[in-house]
């Protein structure tokens, strides 16, 4: 039996001016100190990335995300408790998240949402669905109160998530981060005015429907992201990701939409600034 060829490690960024990364995790990429944040941001800037939104999946990472945004002009933050950790949303966490939401460098409340994948695969480490829904509704209310975008995590919970979003208050923008849902939910999301944010998995060979969705969505309703250190795009799938590699995702979507990648990058930059209120 022939051995599988090792996956290539990312070695060269695809340089495209005006790129954005709408959702990454700088702390999980190893950037905790100001110097480490600056190093990742500098590598991204060399690839044309002008703006990065770094995200916290719990209170500790949210603190690091906001700190990174406060020391680097190219970085903004999203703050929330991840649905799998929704049990951590106690009174102290709520109080601190309200403070974070009021900070100008916190541009979104997220990532929050619903995740049944880990309920199925590791229920002992994951908040029950009812606890997740309660936390999601609290985060939605916070996004509305703070007039910030809502950043949604959804894994294997399409029907449940869309039902909650349908009867909850409406934030100024709702971003479906790392969008991976089927076409019927893509159409529903777009009809509701949601933003679809595409990660490196849009480049994976098996995801033809996801590329079709990226092609048909109104260009004003899409973003791109790395979700680093995860979701590294082809041809480096399986290797560690970071913002400097966002260009491969941009190239894939530009090809599907049959437009120049520079045109796509410029529009995504405008979308980033509008959704995160950086143009006001």
C-alpha atoms as a PDB file:
ATOM      1  CA  UNK A   1       0.000   0.000   0.000  1.00  0.00           C
ATOM      2  CA  UNK A   2       1.457   3.335  -1.050  1.00  0.00           C
ATOM      3  CA  UNK A   3       2.125   5.858   1.676  1.00  0.00           C
ATOM      4  CA  UNK A   4       0.172   9.072   1.595  1.00  0.00           C
ATOM      5  CA  UNK A   5       2.187  12.073   0.559  1.00  0.00           C
ATOM      6  CA  UNK A   6       2.696  14.536   3.440  1.00  0.00           C
ATOM      7  CA  UNK A   7       0.677  17.713   3.146  1.00  0.00           C
ATOM      8  CA  UNK A   8       2.755  20.745   2.208  1.00  0.00           C
ATOM      9  CA  UNK A   9       3.334  23.273   4.961  1.00  0.00           C
ATOM     10  CA  UNK A  10       2.325  26.874   4.259  1.00  0.00           C
ATOM     11  CA  UNK A  11       5.419  28.563   2.928  1.00  0.00           C
ATOM     12  CA  UNK A  12       4.264  31.426   0.761  1.00  0.00           C
ATOM     13  CA  UNK A  13       1.427  33.847   1.290  1.00  0.00           C
ATOM     14  CA  UNK A  14      -0.699  34.890  -1.686  1.00  0.00           C
ATOM     15  CA  UNK A  15      -0.174  38.657  -1.769  1.00  0.00           C
ATOM     16  CA  UNK A  16      -3.286  40.664  -2.673  1.00  0.00           C
ATOM     17  CA  UNK A  17      -3.803  44.315  -1.657  1.00  0.00           C
ATOM     18  CA  UNK A  18      -6.720  45.270   0.641  1.00  0.00           C
ATOM     19  CA  UNK A  19      -7.310  41.797   2.076  1.00  0.00           C
ATOM     20  CA  UNK A  20      -9.217  41.410   5.329  1.00  0.00           C
ATOM     21  CA  UNK A  21      -9.514  38.597   7.867  1.00  0.00           C
ATOM     22  CA  UNK A  22     -12.959  38.874   9.441  1.00  0.00           C
ATOM     23  CA  UNK A  23     -12.443  36.150  12.065  1.00  0.00           C
ATOM     24  CA  UNK A  24      -9.218  34.767  13.497  1.00  0.00           C
ATOM     25  CA  UNK A  25      -7.853  33.732  16.883  1.00  0.00           C
ATOM     26  CA  UNK A  26      -4.526  35.472  17.387  1.00  0.00           C
ATOM     27  CA  UNK A  27      -4.102  34.043  20.881  1.00  0.00           C
ATOM     28  CA  UNK A  28      -4.581  30.495  19.598  1.00  0.00           C
ATOM     29  CA  UNK A  29      -2.022  31.284  16.889  1.00  0.00           C
ATOM     30  CA  UNK A  30       0.465  31.915  19.690  1.00  0.00           C
ATOM     31  CA  UNK A  31       0.147  35.694  19.774  1.00  0.00           C
ATOM     32  CA  UNK A  32      -0.307  36.647  23.413  1.00  0.00           C
ATOM     33  CA  UNK A  33       2.190  39.458  23.944  1.00  0.00           C
ATOM     34  CA  UNK A  34       2.146  42.723  21.996  1.00  0.00           C
ATOM     35  CA  UNK A  35       5.330  41.656  20.194  1.00  0.00           C
ATOM     36  CA  UNK A  36       3.790  38.335  19.125  1.00  0.00           C
ATOM     37  CA  UNK A  37       0.654  40.088  17.878  1.00  0.00           C
ATOM     38  CA  UNK A  38       2.801  42.539  15.928  1.00  0.00           C
ATOM     39  CA  UNK A  39       4.753  39.701  14.300  1.00  0.00           C
ATOM     40  CA  UNK A  40       1.610  37.978  12.982  1.00  0.00           C
ATOM     41  CA  UNK A  41       0.102  41.296  11.883  1.00  0.00           C
ATOM     42  CA  UNK A  42       3.328  42.213  10.079  1.00  0.00           C
ATOM     43  CA  UNK A  43       3.367  38.902   8.199  1.00  0.00           C
ATOM     44  CA  UNK A  44      -0.258  39.460   7.243  1.00  0.00           C
ATOM     45  CA  UNK A  45       0.439  43.034   6.149  1.00  0.00           C
ATOM     46  CA  UNK A  46       3.208  41.765   3.861  1.00  0.00           C
ATOM     47  CA  UNK A  47       0.536  39.657   2.139  1.00  0.00           C
ATOM     48  CA  UNK A  48      -1.748  42.684   1.712  1.00  0.00           C
ATOM     49  CA  UNK A  49      -3.959  42.211   4.795  1.00  0.00           C
ATOM     50  CA  UNK A  50      -5.063  45.597   6.112  1.00  0.00           C
ATOM     51  CA  UNK A  51      -7.631  44.630   8.768  1.00  0.00           C
ATOM     52  CA  UNK A  52      -8.007  41.694  11.163  1.00  0.00           C
ATOM     53  CA  UNK A  53     -10.760  40.815  13.629  1.00  0.00           C
ATOM     54  CA  UNK A  54      -9.471  38.582  16.395  1.00  0.00           C
ATOM     55  CA  UNK A  55     -11.995  36.624  18.412  1.00  0.00           C
ATOM     56  CA  UNK A  56     -12.354  35.259  21.927  1.00  0.00           C
ATOM     57  CA  UNK A  57     -14.076  31.918  22.513  1.00  0.00           C
ATOM     58  CA  UNK A  58     -14.164  32.417  26.274  1.00  0.00           C
ATOM     59  CA  UNK A  59     -13.582  35.236  28.699  1.00  0.00           C
ATOM     60  CA  UNK A  60      -9.811  34.704  28.931  1.00  0.00           C
ATOM     61  CA  UNK A  61      -9.331  34.715  25.150  1.00  0.00           C
ATOM     62  CA  UNK A  62     -11.745  37.631  24.797  1.00  0.00           C
ATOM     63  CA  UNK A  63      -9.500  39.604  27.154  1.00  0.00           C
ATOM     64  CA  UNK A  64      -6.502  38.769  24.962  1.00  0.00           C
ATOM     65  CA  UNK A  65      -8.416  39.656  21.799  1.00  0.00           C
ATOM     66  CA  UNK A  66      -9.365  43.072  23.141  1.00  0.00           C
ATOM     67  CA  UNK A  67      -5.828  43.685  24.412  1.00  0.00           C
ATOM     68  CA  UNK A  68      -4.416  42.821  20.972  1.00  0.00           C
ATOM     69  CA  UNK A  69      -6.850  45.244  19.327  1.00  0.00           C
ATOM     70  CA  UNK A  70      -5.933  48.014  21.720  1.00  0.00           C
ATOM     71  CA  UNK A  71      -2.219  47.872  20.848  1.00  0.00           C
ATOM     72  CA  UNK A  72      -2.475  47.422  17.068  1.00  0.00           C
ATOM     73  CA  UNK A  73      -4.349  49.782  14.713  1.00  0.00           C
ATOM     74  CA  UNK A  74      -4.940  47.007  12.170  1.00  0.00           C
ATOM     75  CA  UNK A  75      -6.716  44.774  14.697  1.00  0.00           C
ATOM     76  CA  UNK A  76     -10.241  44.862  16.122  1.00  0.00           C
ATOM     77  CA  UNK A  77     -11.863  42.365  18.474  1.00  0.00           C
ATOM     78  CA  UNK A  78     -15.002  40.293  18.945  1.00  0.00           C
ATOM     79  CA  UNK A  79     -15.837  39.182  22.480  1.00  0.00           C
ATOM     80  CA  UNK A  80     -18.191  36.488  23.801  1.00  0.00           C
ATOM     81  CA  UNK A  81     -18.435  33.033  25.348  1.00  0.00           C
ATOM     82  CA  UNK A  82     -18.371  30.159  22.830  1.00  0.00           C
ATOM     83  CA  UNK A  83     -21.539  28.021  22.845  1.00  0.00           C
ATOM     84  CA  UNK A  84     -19.696  24.891  23.942  1.00  0.00           C
ATOM     85  CA  UNK A  85     -18.550  26.854  27.010  1.00  0.00           C
ATOM     86  CA  UNK A  86     -21.891  28.546  27.623  1.00  0.00           C
ATOM     87  CA  UNK A  87     -21.957  27.280  31.196  1.00  0.00           C
ATOM     88  CA  UNK A  88     -19.204  29.795  31.951  1.00  0.00           C
ATOM     89  CA  UNK A  89     -21.566  32.711  31.319  1.00  0.00           C
ATOM     90  CA  UNK A  90     -22.123  33.602  34.968  1.00  0.00           C
ATOM     91  CA  UNK A  91     -22.910  37.025  36.428  1.00  0.00           C
ATOM     92  CA  UNK A  92     -19.233  38.036  36.535  1.00  0.00           C
ATOM     93  CA  UNK A  93     -18.720  37.057  32.896  1.00  0.00           C
ATOM     94  CA  UNK A  94     -21.851  38.967  31.854  1.00  0.00           C
ATOM     95  CA  UNK A  95     -20.633  42.071  33.677  1.00  0.00           C
ATOM     96  CA  UNK A  96     -17.206  41.930  32.056  1.00  0.00           C
ATOM     97  CA  UNK A  97     -18.611  41.275  28.579  1.00  0.00           C
ATOM     98  CA  UNK A  98     -20.837  44.329  28.913  1.00  0.00           C
ATOM     99  CA  UNK A  99     -17.717  46.367  29.681  1.00  0.00           C
ATOM    100  CA  UNK A 100     -15.920  44.877  26.678  1.00  0.00           C
ATOM    101  CA  UNK A 101     -18.889  45.541  24.398  1.00  0.00           C
ATOM    102  CA  UNK A 102     -18.684  49.234  25.266  1.00  0.00           C
ATOM    103  CA  UNK A 103     -15.047  49.449  24.171  1.00  0.00           C
ATOM    104  CA  UNK A 104     -14.658  51.018  20.683  1.00  0.00           C
ATOM    105  CA  UNK A 105     -12.148  48.314  19.719  1.00  0.00           C
ATOM    106  CA  UNK A 106     -14.749  45.596  20.346  1.00  0.00           C
ATOM    107  CA  UNK A 107     -16.648  45.602  17.062  1.00  0.00           C
ATOM    108  CA  UNK A 108     -18.746  42.452  17.427  1.00  0.00           C
ATOM    109  CA  UNK A 109     -20.303  40.178  20.018  1.00  0.00           C
ATOM    110  CA  UNK A 110     -19.032  36.717  19.236  1.00  0.00           C
ATOM    111  CA  UNK A 111     -18.477  34.056  18.739  1.00  0.00           C
ATOM    112  CA  UNK A 112     -21.743  32.840  20.179  1.00  0.00           C
ATOM    113  CA  UNK A 113     -24.276  30.439  18.726  1.00  0.00           C
ATOM    114  CA  UNK A 114     -25.219  26.765  18.888  1.00  0.00           C
ATOM    115  CA  UNK A 115     -23.134  23.610  18.533  1.00  0.00           C
ATOM    116  CA  UNK A 116     -24.674  20.128  18.653  1.00  0.00           C
ATOM    117  CA  UNK A 117     -21.604  18.409  17.165  1.00  0.00           C
ATOM    118  CA  UNK A 118     -19.782  18.363  20.483  1.00  0.00           C
ATOM    119  CA  UNK A 119     -22.960  17.481  22.375  1.00  0.00           C
ATOM    120  CA  UNK A 120     -22.959  14.297  20.301  1.00  0.00           C
ATOM    121  CA  UNK A 121     -19.221  13.619  20.376  1.00  0.00           C
ATOM    122  CA  UNK A 122     -18.123  14.902  23.801  1.00  0.00           C
ATOM    123  CA  UNK A 123     -21.196  15.711  25.889  1.00  0.00           C
ATOM    124  CA  UNK A 124     -19.223  15.678  29.121  1.00  0.00           C
ATOM    125  CA  UNK A 125     -17.168  18.676  27.948  1.00  0.00           C
ATOM    126  CA  UNK A 126     -19.933  20.647  26.239  1.00  0.00           C
ATOM    127  CA  UNK A 127     -22.775  22.831  27.492  1.00  0.00           C
ATOM    128  CA  UNK A 128     -26.247  21.320  26.919  1.00  0.00           C
ATOM    129  CA  UNK A 129     -28.313  22.794  24.103  1.00  0.00           C
ATOM    130  CA  UNK A 130     -30.670  24.604  26.455  1.00  0.00           C
ATOM    131  CA  UNK A 131     -27.754  26.328  28.189  1.00  0.00           C
ATOM    132  CA  UNK A 132     -26.297  27.255  24.794  1.00  0.00           C
ATOM    133  CA  UNK A 133     -29.599  28.769  23.674  1.00  0.00           C
ATOM    134  CA  UNK A 134     -29.917  30.818  26.853  1.00  0.00           C
ATOM    135  CA  UNK A 135     -26.381  32.152  26.369  1.00  0.00           C
ATOM    136  CA  UNK A 136     -27.043  32.882  22.690  1.00  0.00           C
ATOM    137  CA  UNK A 137     -30.136  34.908  23.523  1.00  0.00           C
ATOM    138  CA  UNK A 138     -28.182  36.874  26.141  1.00  0.00           C
ATOM    139  CA  UNK A 139     -25.428  37.643  23.604  1.00  0.00           C
ATOM    140  CA  UNK A 140     -28.032  38.728  21.026  1.00  0.00           C
ATOM    141  CA  UNK A 141     -29.487  41.143  23.549  1.00  0.00           C
ATOM    142  CA  UNK A 142     -25.987  42.464  24.276  1.00  0.00           C
ATOM    143  CA  UNK A 143     -25.291  43.019  20.568  1.00  0.00           C
ATOM    144  CA  UNK A 144     -28.543  44.959  20.240  1.00  0.00           C
ATOM    145  CA  UNK A 145     -27.845  47.039  23.365  1.00  0.00           C
ATOM    146  CA  UNK A 146     -24.277  47.813  22.299  1.00  0.00           C
ATOM    147  CA  UNK A 147     -25.254  48.364  18.631  1.00  0.00           C
ATOM    148  CA  UNK A 148     -22.558  45.913  17.532  1.00  0.00           C
ATOM    149  CA  UNK A 149     -22.545  43.104  14.986  1.00  0.00           C
ATOM    150  CA  UNK A 150     -23.458  39.607  16.175  1.00  0.00           C
ATOM    151  CA  UNK A 151     -20.928  36.891  15.253  1.00  0.00           C
ATOM    152  CA  UNK A 152     -22.458  33.400  15.096  1.00  0.00           C
ATOM    153  CA  UNK A 153     -20.834  29.977  15.505  1.00  0.00           C
ATOM    154  CA  UNK A 154     -22.991  27.175  14.093  1.00  0.00           C
ATOM    155  CA  UNK A 155     -22.043  23.530  13.996  1.00  0.00           C
ATOM    156  CA  UNK A 156     -24.688  20.953  13.149  1.00  0.00           C
ATOM    157  CA  UNK A 157     -27.440  23.189  14.501  1.00  0.00           C
ATOM    158  CA  UNK A 158     -28.997  24.840  11.453  1.00  0.00           C
ATOM    159  CA  UNK A 159     -32.676  24.376  12.294  1.00  0.00           C
ATOM    160  CA  UNK A 160     -32.250  25.234  15.974  1.00  0.00           C
ATOM    161  CA  UNK A 161     -30.121  28.303  15.261  1.00  0.00           C
ATOM    162  CA  UNK A 162     -32.368  29.761  12.568  1.00  0.00           C
ATOM    163  CA  UNK A 163     -35.391  29.289  14.828  1.00  0.00           C
ATOM    164  CA  UNK A 164     -33.731  31.276  17.625  1.00  0.00           C
ATOM    165  CA  UNK A 165     -32.575  34.028  15.283  1.00  0.00           C
ATOM    166  CA  UNK A 166     -36.073  34.309  13.815  1.00  0.00           C
ATOM    167  CA  UNK A 167     -37.754  35.199  17.119  1.00  0.00           C
ATOM    168  CA  UNK A 168     -34.922  37.103  18.820  1.00  0.00           C
ATOM    169  CA  UNK A 169     -34.232  40.835  18.596  1.00  0.00           C
ATOM    170  CA  UNK A 170     -32.359  41.856  15.456  1.00  0.00           C
ATOM    171  CA  UNK A 171     -28.804  43.232  15.772  1.00  0.00           C
ATOM    172  CA  UNK A 172     -27.504  45.722  13.218  1.00  0.00           C
ATOM    173  CA  UNK A 173     -25.675  42.868  11.426  1.00  0.00           C
ATOM    174  CA  UNK A 174     -25.531  39.100  11.903  1.00  0.00           C
ATOM    175  CA  UNK A 175     -22.396  37.313  10.694  1.00  0.00           C
ATOM    176  CA  UNK A 176     -22.517  33.552  10.138  1.00  0.00           C
ATOM    177  CA  UNK A 177     -18.853  32.818  10.761  1.00  0.00           C
ATOM    178  CA  UNK A 178     -17.162  29.946   8.884  1.00  0.00           C
ATOM    179  CA  UNK A 179     -20.366  29.444   6.919  1.00  0.00           C
ATOM    180  CA  UNK A 180     -20.782  25.741   6.117  1.00  0.00           C
ATOM    181  CA  UNK A 181     -24.533  25.162   5.976  1.00  0.00           C
ATOM    182  CA  UNK A 182     -26.484  23.720   3.028  1.00  0.00           C
ATOM    183  CA  UNK A 183     -27.935  25.832   0.245  1.00  0.00           C
ATOM    184  CA  UNK A 184     -31.427  26.081   1.781  1.00  0.00           C
ATOM    185  CA  UNK A 185     -29.992  27.801   4.863  1.00  0.00           C
ATOM    186  CA  UNK A 186     -27.726  29.989   2.764  1.00  0.00           C
ATOM    187  CA  UNK A 187     -30.758  31.299   0.878  1.00  0.00           C
ATOM    188  CA  UNK A 188     -32.667  31.807   4.119  1.00  0.00           C
ATOM    189  CA  UNK A 189     -29.721  33.652   5.668  1.00  0.00           C
ATOM    190  CA  UNK A 190     -29.277  35.905   2.665  1.00  0.00           C
ATOM    191  CA  UNK A 191     -33.007  36.659   2.544  1.00  0.00           C
ATOM    192  CA  UNK A 192     -32.775  37.750   6.181  1.00  0.00           C
ATOM    193  CA  UNK A 193     -29.833  40.026   5.380  1.00  0.00           C
ATOM    194  CA  UNK A 194     -27.194  38.014   7.221  1.00  0.00           C
ATOM    195  CA  UNK A 195     -23.502  38.142   6.291  1.00  0.00           C
ATOM    196  CA  UNK A 196     -21.896  34.869   5.193  1.00  0.00           C
ATOM    197  CA  UNK A 197     -18.226  34.662   6.194  1.00  0.00           C
ATOM    198  CA  UNK A 198     -16.252  32.029   4.270  1.00  0.00           C
ATOM    199  CA  UNK A 199     -13.184  30.319   5.687  1.00  0.00           C
ATOM    200  CA  UNK A 200     -10.549  28.066   4.127  1.00  0.00           C
ATOM    201  CA  UNK A 201     -12.982  25.160   3.892  1.00  0.00           C
ATOM    202  CA  UNK A 202     -14.523  26.834   0.837  1.00  0.00           C
ATOM    203  CA  UNK A 203     -11.341  25.733  -0.982  1.00  0.00           C
ATOM    204  CA  UNK A 204     -11.648  22.059   0.021  1.00  0.00           C
ATOM    205  CA  UNK A 205     -12.326  19.814  -2.955  1.00  0.00           C
ATOM    206  CA  UNK A 206     -15.445  18.200  -1.479  1.00  0.00           C
ATOM    207  CA  UNK A 207     -17.175  21.544  -0.820  1.00  0.00           C
ATOM    208  CA  UNK A 208     -18.577  22.305  -4.273  1.00  0.00           C
ATOM    209  CA  UNK A 209     -21.927  23.477  -2.850  1.00  0.00           C
ATOM    210  CA  UNK A 210     -20.150  25.898  -0.513  1.00  0.00           C
ATOM    211  CA  UNK A 211     -18.320  27.411  -3.495  1.00  0.00           C
ATOM    212  CA  UNK A 212     -21.656  27.688  -5.312  1.00  0.00           C
ATOM    213  CA  UNK A 213     -23.044  29.603  -2.327  1.00  0.00           C
ATOM    214  CA  UNK A 214     -19.998  31.895  -2.316  1.00  0.00           C
ATOM    215  CA  UNK A 215     -20.645  32.614  -5.983  1.00  0.00           C
ATOM    216  CA  UNK A 216     -24.365  33.366  -5.737  1.00  0.00           C
ATOM    217  CA  UNK A 217     -24.397  35.441  -2.524  1.00  0.00           C
ATOM    218  CA  UNK A 218     -24.700  39.206  -3.071  1.00  0.00           C
ATOM    219  CA  UNK A 219     -21.184  40.562  -2.851  1.00  0.00           C
ATOM    220  CA  UNK A 220     -22.245  43.034  -0.140  1.00  0.00           C
ATOM    221  CA  UNK A 221     -23.252  40.072   2.078  1.00  0.00           C
ATOM    222  CA  UNK A 222     -19.983  38.159   2.209  1.00  0.00           C
ATOM    223  CA  UNK A 223     -16.753  38.273   4.182  1.00  0.00           C
ATOM    224  CA  UNK A 224     -13.722  36.007   4.294  1.00  0.00           C
ATOM    225  CA  UNK A 225     -11.819  34.747   7.310  1.00  0.00           C
ATOM    226  CA  UNK A 226      -9.086  32.364   8.328  1.00  0.00           C
ATOM    227  CA  UNK A 227     -10.529  31.087  11.638  1.00  0.00           C
ATOM    228  CA  UNK A 228      -6.820  30.558  12.320  1.00  0.00           C
ATOM    229  CA  UNK A 229      -5.102  28.500  13.503  1.00  0.00           C
ATOM    230  CA  UNK A 230      -7.740  26.214  11.941  1.00  0.00           C
ATOM    231  CA  UNK A 231      -9.251  25.829   8.459  1.00  0.00           C
ATOM    232  CA  UNK A 232      -6.050  26.323   6.475  1.00  0.00           C
ATOM    233  CA  UNK A 233      -7.008  26.637   2.791  1.00  0.00           C
ATOM    234  CA  UNK A 234      -5.835  24.377  -0.016  1.00  0.00           C
ATOM    235  CA  UNK A 235      -3.132  23.611  -0.957  1.00  0.00           C
ATOM    236  CA  UNK A 236      -2.008  23.643   2.691  1.00  0.00           C
ATOM    237  CA  UNK A 237      -5.011  21.989   4.318  1.00  0.00           C
ATOM    238  CA  UNK A 238      -4.107  20.301   7.598  1.00  0.00           C
ATOM    239  CA  UNK A 239      -1.275  22.683   8.424  1.00  0.00           C
ATOM    240  CA  UNK A 240      -1.380  25.527  10.911  1.00  0.00           C
ATOM    241  CA  UNK A 241      -3.156  28.611   9.621  1.00  0.00           C
ATOM    242  CA  UNK A 242      -2.721  32.329  10.260  1.00  0.00           C
ATOM    243  CA  UNK A 243      -4.005  35.586   8.693  1.00  0.00           C
ATOM    244  CA  UNK A 244      -1.250  35.848   6.077  1.00  0.00           C
ATOM    245  CA  UNK A 245      -2.806  32.912   4.172  1.00  0.00           C
ATOM    246  CA  UNK A 246      -6.237  34.491   3.632  1.00  0.00           C
ATOM    247  CA  UNK A 247      -5.356  35.246   0.004  1.00  0.00           C
ATOM    248  CA  UNK A 248      -5.902  31.641  -1.064  1.00  0.00           C
ATOM    249  CA  UNK A 249      -9.516  31.837   0.106  1.00  0.00           C
ATOM    250  CA  UNK A 250      -9.964  35.139  -1.721  1.00  0.00           C
ATOM    251  CA  UNK A 251      -8.578  33.657  -4.935  1.00  0.00           C
ATOM    252  CA  UNK A 252     -10.938  30.691  -4.738  1.00  0.00           C
ATOM    253  CA  UNK A 253     -14.027  32.859  -4.285  1.00  0.00           C
ATOM    254  CA  UNK A 254     -12.951  35.315  -6.997  1.00  0.00           C
ATOM    255  CA  UNK A 255     -12.604  32.420  -9.428  1.00  0.00           C
ATOM    256  CA  UNK A 256     -16.075  31.124  -8.533  1.00  0.00           C
ATOM    257  CA  UNK A 257     -17.591  34.590  -8.951  1.00  0.00           C
ATOM    258  CA  UNK A 258     -15.636  35.147 -12.193  1.00  0.00           C
ATOM    259  CA  UNK A 259     -14.278  38.509 -11.074  1.00  0.00           C
ATOM    260  CA  UNK A 260     -10.789  39.856 -10.526  1.00  0.00           C
ATOM    261  CA  UNK A 261      -9.453  39.083  -7.072  1.00  0.00           C
ATOM    262  CA  UNK A 262      -8.527  42.758  -6.624  1.00  0.00           C
ATOM    263  CA  UNK A 263     -12.179  43.709  -7.173  1.00  0.00           C
ATOM    264  CA  UNK A 264     -13.290  41.121  -4.638  1.00  0.00           C
ATOM    265  CA  UNK A 265     -10.698  42.223  -2.072  1.00  0.00           C
ATOM    266  CA  UNK A 266     -11.733  45.866  -2.381  1.00  0.00           C
ATOM    267  CA  UNK A 267     -15.422  45.005  -1.824  1.00  0.00           C
ATOM    268  CA  UNK A 268     -14.634  42.705   1.105  1.00  0.00           C
ATOM    269  CA  UNK A 269     -12.638  45.531   2.644  1.00  0.00           C
ATOM    270  CA  UNK A 270     -15.660  47.823   2.327  1.00  0.00           C
ATOM    271  CA  UNK A 271     -17.905  45.120   3.810  1.00  0.00           C
ATOM    272  CA  UNK A 272     -15.534  44.673   6.765  1.00  0.00           C
ATOM    273  CA  UNK A 273     -15.505  48.393   7.459  1.00  0.00           C
ATOM    274  CA  UNK A 274     -19.296  48.659   7.171  1.00  0.00           C
ATOM    275  CA  UNK A 275     -20.191  45.632   9.292  1.00  0.00           C
ATOM    276  CA  UNK A 276     -17.680  46.460  12.004  1.00  0.00           C
ATOM    277  CA  UNK A 277     -18.552  50.190  11.830  1.00  0.00           C
ATOM    278  CA  UNK A 278     -15.031  51.303  10.986  1.00  0.00           C
ATOM    279  CA  UNK A 279     -16.252  53.669   8.292  1.00  0.00           C
ATOM    280  CA  UNK A 280     -18.387  55.770  10.643  1.00  0.00           C
END
